[in-house]
N, C-alpha and C. Protein backbone atom coordinates (compact mmCIF):
# COMPACT_ATOMS: atom_id res chain seq x y z
N UNK A 1 56.27 190.76 301.45
CA UNK A 1 57.60 191.28 301.74
C UNK A 1 58.66 190.18 301.68
N UNK A 2 58.28 188.97 302.03
CA UNK A 2 59.23 187.86 301.95
C UNK A 2 59.65 187.62 300.50
N UNK A 3 58.69 187.66 299.61
CA UNK A 3 58.98 187.46 298.19
C UNK A 3 59.89 188.59 297.68
N UNK A 4 59.58 189.81 298.06
CA UNK A 4 60.42 190.95 297.67
C UNK A 4 61.85 190.73 298.14
N UNK A 5 62.03 190.32 299.38
CA UNK A 5 63.37 190.13 299.93
C UNK A 5 64.13 189.04 299.18
N UNK A 6 63.46 187.98 298.80
CA UNK A 6 64.11 186.92 298.03
C UNK A 6 64.56 187.45 296.67
N UNK A 7 63.69 188.21 296.01
CA UNK A 7 64.05 188.80 294.71
C UNK A 7 65.18 189.82 294.87
N UNK A 8 65.15 190.60 295.94
CA UNK A 8 66.19 191.59 296.17
C UNK A 8 67.55 190.91 296.35
N UNK A 9 67.58 189.86 297.12
CA UNK A 9 68.83 189.12 297.33
C UNK A 9 69.33 188.50 296.03
N UNK A 10 68.43 187.98 295.23
CA UNK A 10 68.81 187.42 293.93
C UNK A 10 69.37 188.50 293.02
N UNK A 11 68.75 189.67 293.02
CA UNK A 11 69.22 190.78 292.18
C UNK A 11 70.61 191.23 292.62
N UNK A 12 70.85 191.33 293.91
CA UNK A 12 72.17 191.73 294.42
C UNK A 12 73.21 190.71 293.96
N UNK A 13 72.88 189.44 294.06
CA UNK A 13 73.80 188.39 293.64
C UNK A 13 74.10 188.49 292.14
N UNK A 14 73.08 188.75 291.34
CA UNK A 14 73.25 188.86 289.89
C UNK A 14 74.06 190.08 289.50
N UNK A 15 73.94 191.17 290.26
CA UNK A 15 74.66 192.40 289.93
C UNK A 15 76.14 192.31 290.28
N UNK A 16 76.50 191.49 291.24
CA UNK A 16 77.89 191.39 291.69
C UNK A 16 78.77 190.82 290.57
N UNK A 17 79.75 191.60 290.18
CA UNK A 17 80.72 191.14 289.21
C UNK A 17 80.20 190.99 287.80
N UNK A 18 78.99 191.43 287.55
CA UNK A 18 78.42 191.32 286.21
C UNK A 18 78.00 192.71 285.75
N UNK A 19 77.80 192.85 284.49
CA UNK A 19 77.35 194.12 283.94
C UNK A 19 75.82 194.10 283.81
N UNK A 20 75.16 193.78 284.92
CA UNK A 20 73.70 193.70 284.97
C UNK A 20 73.21 194.63 286.06
N UNK A 21 72.23 195.45 285.73
CA UNK A 21 71.68 196.38 286.72
C UNK A 21 70.17 196.36 286.62
N UNK A 22 69.51 196.36 287.76
CA UNK A 22 68.05 196.35 287.80
C UNK A 22 67.57 197.72 288.30
N UNK A 23 66.76 198.39 287.48
CA UNK A 23 66.22 199.69 287.84
C UNK A 23 64.76 199.76 287.40
N UNK A 24 64.08 200.77 287.88
CA UNK A 24 62.70 200.99 287.44
C UNK A 24 61.66 200.40 288.38
N UNK A 25 60.45 200.31 287.87
CA UNK A 25 59.32 199.88 288.68
C UNK A 25 59.47 198.45 289.18
N UNK A 26 59.83 197.55 288.29
CA UNK A 26 59.94 196.15 288.69
C UNK A 26 61.11 195.93 289.63
N UNK A 27 62.22 196.58 289.37
CA UNK A 27 63.39 196.40 290.22
C UNK A 27 63.17 196.95 291.63
N UNK A 28 62.41 198.00 291.73
CA UNK A 28 62.13 198.60 293.04
C UNK A 28 60.91 197.98 293.71
N UNK A 29 60.21 197.12 292.99
CA UNK A 29 59.06 196.39 293.51
C UNK A 29 58.02 197.35 294.08
N UNK A 30 57.79 198.46 293.35
CA UNK A 30 56.76 199.40 293.76
C UNK A 30 56.27 200.15 292.53
N UNK A 31 55.08 200.72 292.64
CA UNK A 31 54.52 201.47 291.53
C UNK A 31 55.23 202.80 291.40
N UNK A 32 55.55 203.17 290.17
CA UNK A 32 56.09 204.50 289.86
C UNK A 32 55.39 205.01 288.62
N UNK A 33 55.13 206.30 288.58
CA UNK A 33 54.70 206.91 287.33
C UNK A 33 55.88 206.86 286.37
N UNK A 34 55.61 206.99 285.09
CA UNK A 34 56.68 206.89 284.11
C UNK A 34 57.75 207.96 284.32
N UNK A 35 57.38 209.16 284.71
CA UNK A 35 58.39 210.18 284.96
C UNK A 35 59.29 209.78 286.12
N UNK A 36 58.74 209.15 287.13
CA UNK A 36 59.54 208.67 288.25
C UNK A 36 60.46 207.53 287.82
N UNK A 37 59.95 206.63 287.00
CA UNK A 37 60.75 205.50 286.53
C UNK A 37 61.92 205.98 285.67
N UNK A 38 61.66 206.96 284.82
CA UNK A 38 62.73 207.51 283.98
C UNK A 38 63.75 208.23 284.84
N UNK A 39 63.30 209.01 285.81
CA UNK A 39 64.21 209.71 286.73
C UNK A 39 65.07 208.70 287.48
N UNK A 40 64.47 207.60 287.93
CA UNK A 40 65.19 206.55 288.63
C UNK A 40 66.30 205.98 287.75
N UNK A 41 66.00 205.72 286.48
CA UNK A 41 66.99 205.17 285.56
C UNK A 41 68.10 206.18 285.27
N UNK A 42 67.75 207.44 285.07
CA UNK A 42 68.76 208.47 284.80
C UNK A 42 69.67 208.70 286.01
N UNK A 43 69.09 208.72 287.20
CA UNK A 43 69.89 208.88 288.41
C UNK A 43 70.83 207.70 288.60
N UNK A 44 70.33 206.51 288.32
CA UNK A 44 71.18 205.32 288.42
C UNK A 44 72.33 205.41 287.43
N UNK A 45 72.04 205.80 286.21
CA UNK A 45 73.09 205.96 285.20
C UNK A 45 74.14 206.95 285.66
N UNK A 46 73.71 208.08 286.22
CA UNK A 46 74.66 209.09 286.69
C UNK A 46 75.58 208.51 287.77
N UNK A 47 75.04 207.72 288.69
CA UNK A 47 75.86 207.10 289.73
C UNK A 47 76.87 206.13 289.13
N UNK A 48 76.44 205.30 288.20
CA UNK A 48 77.33 204.34 287.55
C UNK A 48 78.39 205.07 286.73
N UNK A 49 77.98 206.07 285.99
CA UNK A 49 78.90 206.84 285.15
C UNK A 49 79.95 207.56 286.00
N UNK A 50 79.54 208.15 287.12
CA UNK A 50 80.49 208.81 288.00
C UNK A 50 81.51 207.80 288.55
N UNK A 51 81.05 206.63 288.90
CA UNK A 51 81.94 205.59 289.42
C UNK A 51 82.96 205.16 288.37
N UNK A 52 82.52 205.00 287.13
CA UNK A 52 83.42 204.59 286.05
C UNK A 52 84.46 205.68 285.79
N UNK A 53 84.03 206.93 285.81
CA UNK A 53 84.96 208.03 285.55
C UNK A 53 86.02 208.15 286.64
N UNK A 54 85.69 207.80 287.88
CA UNK A 54 86.65 207.87 288.98
C UNK A 54 87.68 206.77 288.91
N UNK A 55 87.32 205.63 288.30
CA UNK A 55 88.24 204.48 288.22
C UNK A 55 89.26 204.63 287.16
């Protein structure tokens, strides 16, 4: 869990002010079936897209 937290903090830092986003199995640091990984990516896209449309 310590390693996960270090990677999570690094990912948050990298995402700030940059056009970089981490999604999927590796980004969530847990196993997902492919359908779950794809759903995760599509849901993330919808959130980002909604935010862009509001701006």
